[in-house]
Protein backbone atom coordinates (compact mmCIF):
# COMPACT_ATOMS: atom_id res chain seq x y z
CA GLN A 1 -8.02 -15.97 -10.72
CA VAL A 2 -5.95 -12.85 -11.34
CA GLN A 3 -6.47 -10.47 -8.45
CA LEU A 4 -5.00 -8.32 -5.72
CA VAL A 5 -6.73 -8.23 -2.34
CA GLU A 6 -5.87 -5.60 0.23
CA SER A 7 -6.44 -5.88 3.96
CA GLY A 8 -5.53 -4.10 7.18
CA GLY A 9 -7.22 -0.76 6.88
CA GLY A 10 -9.03 0.90 9.75
CA LEU A 11 -9.21 3.84 12.12
CA VAL A 12 -6.04 5.03 13.83
CA GLN A 13 -5.15 8.10 15.86
CA PRO A 14 -2.65 10.66 14.59
CA GLY A 15 0.87 9.49 15.35
CA GLY A 16 -0.21 5.88 15.32
CA SER A 17 0.78 2.97 13.11
CA LEU A 18 -1.02 0.63 10.77
CA GLY A 19 0.05 -2.16 8.46
CA LEU A 20 -1.59 -2.95 5.13
CA SER A 21 -1.21 -6.20 3.25
CA CYS A 22 -1.88 -7.14 -0.35
CA ALA A 23 -2.27 -10.76 -1.42
CA ALA A 24 -1.67 -11.51 -5.08
CA SER A 25 -2.94 -14.41 -7.14
CA GLY A 26 -2.80 -15.32 -10.80
CA ILE A 27 0.39 -13.39 -11.54
CA ILE A 28 4.08 -14.25 -11.57
CA PHE A 29 4.63 -12.43 -8.31
CA SER A 30 8.39 -12.89 -8.04
CA ILE A 31 9.08 -10.71 -11.10
CA ALA A 32 6.33 -8.15 -10.53
CA ASN A 33 6.82 -4.54 -9.58
CA MET A 34 4.35 -4.01 -6.74
CA GLY A 35 3.02 -0.66 -5.66
CA TRP A 36 0.71 1.12 -3.29
CA TYR A 37 -1.42 4.08 -4.27
CA ARG A 38 -3.98 6.08 -2.34
CA GLN A 39 -6.97 8.28 -3.05
CA ALA A 40 -8.16 10.79 -0.50
CA PRO A 41 -11.74 12.10 -0.57
CA GLY A 42 -12.16 14.59 -3.40
CA LYS A 43 -8.63 14.07 -4.70
CA GLN A 44 -6.97 12.13 -7.48
CA ARG A 45 -5.29 8.81 -6.87
CA GLU A 46 -1.62 9.27 -6.05
CA TRP A 47 1.38 6.98 -5.94
CA VAL A 48 2.71 6.08 -2.48
CA ALA A 49 5.46 3.47 -2.82
CA THR A 50 6.87 0.79 -5.10
CA ILE A 51 9.01 -2.29 -4.58
CA GLY A 52 10.73 -4.10 -7.42
CA PRO A 53 11.51 -7.79 -7.85
CA ARG A 54 14.93 -7.37 -6.22
CA GLY A 55 13.51 -5.41 -3.33
CA ILE A 56 14.45 -1.94 -4.53
CA THR A 57 12.02 0.55 -3.04
CA ASN A 58 10.83 4.04 -3.91
CA TYR A 59 8.60 6.36 -1.92
CA ALA A 60 6.61 9.51 -2.45
CA GLU A 61 8.16 12.45 -0.62
CA SER A 62 5.05 12.79 1.53
CA VAL A 63 5.58 9.36 3.11
CA LYS A 64 9.35 8.94 2.99
CA GLY A 65 10.74 8.06 6.40
CA ARG A 66 7.30 7.10 7.75
CA PHE A 67 6.12 4.29 5.46
CA THR A 68 7.93 1.06 4.59
CA ILE A 69 7.03 -1.23 1.71
CA SER A 70 8.16 -4.84 1.75
CA ARG A 71 7.41 -8.08 -0.07
CA ASP A 72 7.32 -11.79 0.69
CA ASP A 73 7.63 -13.73 -2.53
CA ALA A 74 6.91 -17.06 -0.82
CA LYS A 75 3.59 -15.76 0.49
CA ARG A 76 2.92 -13.62 -2.59
CA THR A 77 2.21 -10.60 -0.45
CA VAL A 78 3.33 -6.99 -0.33
CA THR A 79 3.03 -5.00 2.88
CA LEU A 80 2.90 -1.29 3.63
CA GLN A 81 3.88 -0.43 7.19
CA MET A 82 2.70 3.07 8.03
CA ASN A 83 4.08 4.90 11.06
CA SER A 84 3.64 8.42 12.42
CA LEU A 85 0.34 8.65 10.61
CA LYS A 86 -1.19 12.06 9.93
CA PRO A 87 -4.78 13.06 9.20
CA GLU A 88 -3.71 13.81 5.62
CA ASP A 89 -2.84 10.13 5.20
CA THR A 90 -6.56 9.37 5.31
CA ALA A 91 -7.44 7.68 2.03
CA VAL A 92 -8.41 4.48 0.33
CA TYR A 93 -5.18 2.57 -0.26
CA TYR A 94 -4.84 0.45 -3.39
CA CYS A 95 -2.40 -2.28 -4.32
CA ASN A 96 -1.19 -2.29 -7.91
CA THR A 97 0.93 -4.16 -10.38
CA ASN A 98 1.03 -3.21 -14.05
CA LYS A 99 -2.63 -2.63 -14.95
CA LEU A 100 -4.06 -4.76 -12.14
CA TRP A 101 -5.64 -3.03 -9.14
CA GLY A 102 -7.14 -4.22 -5.91
CA LYS A 103 -10.44 -2.89 -4.60
CA GLY A 104 -8.75 -0.86 -1.90
CA THR A 105 -8.83 -0.61 1.88
CA LEU A 106 -9.81 2.49 3.82
CA VAL A 107 -7.39 4.12 6.25
CA THR A 108 -8.76 6.85 8.48
CA VAL A 109 -6.43 8.88 10.67
CA SER A 110 -8.44 10.81 13.21
CA SER A 111 -8.65 11.50 16.91
């Protein structure tokens, strides 16, 4: 079955950390560009970070220096480590490759 399944969302206080994981199946993971996007309430979905097959990463300016994307080709997973979280990071976070999307996982940053 071709799918992406996110996990790891939850409630965290401002300044805290949270790690998201995305498990892929049904795709040739080792050659896939993998990305994370997010959609805050009332806003459009926006790109967060991407990692290529050779591990080259790119980040949105809003998360650069705070978020880290990584991949494990053996486990077919991509991870988003989020540090120094801010209330404006509150959103549903989606894993993506090409035209395939996961269902998302909610991250809420609040005291």
